[in-house]
Amino acid sequence: MQKPQPLPSDHSQIDESFSDVFETHLTDWSYAITFGLRSVRPDEPHKYTSQVRMPLAQAKALAVLMLRNIRQYEQAAGIDIDLPRDVLEKLQIPQEDWQLFREPL
């Protein structure tokens, strides 16, 4: 018996990983996100494990979809996922940008 071919939406063959640190890279043509694991020792660098590159239009669509999905999750769960002010400052995220998560859907 022949093994059925996986459907395009079948993600069972994709490696899954966890990331608690990331970097972003922007060029004239693409956007890249590098993911990794935060070092537990201050004298050791973070370990970066994967990078995803995409066209700018796809990155923009991804940003909108992520914002929408997280806002819907927060609303359904009745919670507010927040970051401390010093983390926002380190990531160079202005408070008014972070407030986008608090606007009504």
C-alpha atoms as a PDB file:
ATOM      1  CA  MET A   1       0.000   0.000   0.000  1.00  0.00           C
ATOM      2  CA  GLN A   2       1.334   3.406  -0.997  1.00  0.00           C
ATOM      3  CA  LYS A   3       1.814   5.987   1.757  1.00  0.00           C
ATOM      4  CA  PRO A   4      -0.476   9.023   1.237  1.00  0.00           C
ATOM      5  CA  GLN A   5       1.252  12.274   0.311  1.00  0.00           C
ATOM      6  CA  PRO A   6       0.993  14.972   2.998  1.00  0.00           C
ATOM      7  CA  LEU A   7      -1.292  17.866   2.210  1.00  0.00           C
ATOM      8  CA  PRO A   8       0.353  21.298   1.754  1.00  0.00           C
ATOM      9  CA  SER A   9      -1.153  22.406   5.083  1.00  0.00           C
ATOM     10  CA  ASP A  10       0.275  19.366   6.912  1.00  0.00           C
ATOM     11  CA  HIS A  11       2.911  20.708   9.308  1.00  0.00           C
ATOM     12  CA  SER A  12       3.912  17.350  10.757  1.00  0.00           C
ATOM     13  CA  GLN A  13       7.261  17.335   8.936  1.00  0.00           C
ATOM     14  CA  ILE A  14       8.350  20.785  10.149  1.00  0.00           C
ATOM     15  CA  ASP A  15      10.822  21.045  13.019  1.00  0.00           C
ATOM     16  CA  GLU A  16       9.388  22.926  15.982  1.00  0.00           C
ATOM     17  CA  SER A  17      11.533  25.123  18.188  1.00  0.00           C
ATOM     18  CA  PHE A  18      11.214  27.576  21.068  1.00  0.00           C
ATOM     19  CA  SER A  19      12.648  31.088  21.082  1.00  0.00           C
ATOM     20  CA  ASP A  20      12.911  33.650  23.850  1.00  0.00           C
ATOM     21  CA  VAL A  21      15.188  36.068  22.006  1.00  0.00           C
ATOM     22  CA  PHE A  22      15.047  37.486  18.494  1.00  0.00           C
ATOM     23  CA  GLU A  23      16.645  40.032  16.192  1.00  0.00           C
ATOM     24  CA  THR A  24      15.109  41.697  13.171  1.00  0.00           C
ATOM     25  CA  HIS A  25      16.862  42.721   9.978  1.00  0.00           C
ATOM     26  CA  LEU A  26      15.452  44.991   7.282  1.00  0.00           C
ATOM     27  CA  THR A  27      16.792  45.450   3.751  1.00  0.00           C
ATOM     28  CA  ASP A  28      15.376  47.276   0.740  1.00  0.00           C
ATOM     29  CA  TRP A  29      13.850  43.999  -0.462  1.00  0.00           C
ATOM     30  CA  SER A  30      13.210  41.767   2.538  1.00  0.00           C
ATOM     31  CA  TYR A  31      12.685  41.384   6.256  1.00  0.00           C
ATOM     32  CA  ALA A  32      14.365  38.738   8.373  1.00  0.00           C
ATOM     33  CA  ILE A  33      13.735  37.536  11.909  1.00  0.00           C
ATOM     34  CA  THR A  34      16.499  35.572  13.643  1.00  0.00           C
ATOM     35  CA  PHE A  35      15.319  33.438  16.571  1.00  0.00           C
ATOM     36  CA  GLY A  36      17.306  31.963  19.415  1.00  0.00           C
ATOM     37  CA  LEU A  37      17.660  31.124  23.069  1.00  0.00           C
ATOM     38  CA  ARG A  38      18.671  33.651  25.704  1.00  0.00           C
ATOM     39  CA  SER A  39      21.898  32.830  27.494  1.00  0.00           C
ATOM     40  CA  VAL A  40      21.507  32.099  31.184  1.00  0.00           C
ATOM     41  CA  ARG A  41      24.954  33.531  31.887  1.00  0.00           C
ATOM     42  CA  PRO A  42      25.578  37.253  31.357  1.00  0.00           C
ATOM     43  CA  ASP A  43      29.079  36.574  29.968  1.00  0.00           C
ATOM     44  CA  GLU A  44      27.802  34.240  27.222  1.00  0.00           C
ATOM     45  CA  PRO A  45      26.121  35.396  23.991  1.00  0.00           C
ATOM     46  CA  HIS A  46      22.641  34.282  23.027  1.00  0.00           C
ATOM     47  CA  LYS A  47      22.464  31.188  20.837  1.00  0.00           C
ATOM     48  CA  TYR A  48      20.662  31.900  17.571  1.00  0.00           C
ATOM     49  CA  THR A  49      19.073  28.836  16.003  1.00  0.00           C
ATOM     50  CA  SER A  50      17.041  29.846  12.956  1.00  0.00           C
ATOM     51  CA  GLN A  51      16.222  32.685  10.611  1.00  0.00           C
ATOM     52  CA  VAL A  52      13.111  33.388   8.553  1.00  0.00           C
ATOM     53  CA  ARG A  53      13.333  35.768   5.592  1.00  0.00           C
ATOM     54  CA  MET A  54      10.351  37.153   3.706  1.00  0.00           C
ATOM     55  CA  PRO A  55       9.309  39.907   1.299  1.00  0.00           C
ATOM     56  CA  LEU A  56       8.335  43.189   2.962  1.00  0.00           C
ATOM     57  CA  ALA A  57       4.656  42.813   1.972  1.00  0.00           C
ATOM     58  CA  GLN A  58       4.528  39.390   3.631  1.00  0.00           C
ATOM     59  CA  ALA A  59       6.195  40.786   6.774  1.00  0.00           C
ATOM     60  CA  LYS A  60       3.612  43.569   6.916  1.00  0.00           C
ATOM     61  CA  ALA A  61       0.743  41.074   6.540  1.00  0.00           C
ATOM     62  CA  LEU A  62       2.305  38.862   9.233  1.00  0.00           C
ATOM     63  CA  ALA A  63       2.547  41.834  11.622  1.00  0.00           C
ATOM     64  CA  VAL A  64      -1.133  42.689  11.121  1.00  0.00           C
ATOM     65  CA  LEU A  65      -2.247  39.064  11.562  1.00  0.00           C
ATOM     66  CA  MET A  66      -0.122  38.602  14.690  1.00  0.00           C
ATOM     67  CA  LEU A  67      -1.501  41.807  16.218  1.00  0.00           C
ATOM     68  CA  ARG A  68      -5.072  40.726  15.440  1.00  0.00           C
ATOM     69  CA  ASN A  69      -4.583  37.177  16.781  1.00  0.00           C
ATOM     70  CA  ILE A  70      -2.944  38.305  20.018  1.00  0.00           C
ATOM     71  CA  ARG A  71      -5.610  40.959  20.633  1.00  0.00           C
ATOM     72  CA  GLN A  72      -8.361  38.371  20.055  1.00  0.00           C
ATOM     73  CA  TYR A  73      -6.633  35.956  22.449  1.00  0.00           C
ATOM     74  CA  GLU A  74      -6.310  38.625  25.151  1.00  0.00           C
ATOM     75  CA  GLN A  75      -9.957  39.594  24.729  1.00  0.00           C
ATOM     76  CA  ALA A  76     -11.206  35.980  24.829  1.00  0.00           C
ATOM     77  CA  ALA A  77      -9.015  35.092  27.822  1.00  0.00           C
ATOM     78  CA  GLY A  78      -9.751  38.339  29.664  1.00  0.00           C
ATOM     79  CA  ILE A  79      -6.035  39.047  30.144  1.00  0.00           C
ATOM     80  CA  ASP A  80      -3.541  41.737  29.184  1.00  0.00           C
ATOM     81  CA  ILE A  81      -0.114  40.524  28.082  1.00  0.00           C
ATOM     82  CA  ASP A  82       2.301  43.286  29.027  1.00  0.00           C
ATOM     83  CA  LEU A  83       6.014  44.034  28.997  1.00  0.00           C
ATOM     84  CA  PRO A  84       7.902  46.069  31.596  1.00  0.00           C
ATOM     85  CA  ARG A  85       8.794  49.594  30.500  1.00  0.00           C
ATOM     86  CA  ASP A  86      12.548  48.834  30.553  1.00  0.00           C
ATOM     87  CA  VAL A  87      12.031  45.933  28.099  1.00  0.00           C
ATOM     88  CA  LEU A  88      10.015  48.188  25.790  1.00  0.00           C
ATOM     89  CA  GLU A  89      12.807  50.756  25.942  1.00  0.00           C
ATOM     90  CA  LYS A  90      15.478  48.131  25.227  1.00  0.00           C
ATOM     91  CA  LEU A  91      13.478  46.957  22.194  1.00  0.00           C
ATOM     92  CA  GLN A  92      12.952  50.615  21.186  1.00  0.00           C
ATOM     93  CA  ILE A  93       9.164  50.213  21.203  1.00  0.00           C
ATOM     94  CA  PRO A  94       7.482  53.527  22.015  1.00  0.00           C
ATOM     95  CA  GLN A  95       4.629  53.331  24.523  1.00  0.00           C
ATOM     96  CA  GLU A  96       2.162  54.601  21.872  1.00  0.00           C
ATOM     97  CA  ASP A  97       3.063  51.650  19.605  1.00  0.00           C
ATOM     98  CA  TRP A  98       2.528  49.206  22.471  1.00  0.00           C
ATOM     99  CA  GLN A  99      -0.898  50.789  23.042  1.00  0.00           C
ATOM    100  CA  LEU A 100      -2.042  49.361  19.665  1.00  0.00           C
ATOM    101  CA  PHE A 101      -2.772  46.156  21.600  1.00  0.00           C
ATOM    102  CA  ARG A 102      -5.201  48.016  23.842  1.00  0.00           C
ATOM    103  CA  GLU A 103      -7.332  49.599  21.113  1.00  0.00           C
ATOM    104  CA  PRO A 104     -10.723  47.984  20.485  1.00  0.00           C
ATOM    105  CA  LEU A 105     -10.886  45.345  17.765  1.00  0.00           C
END
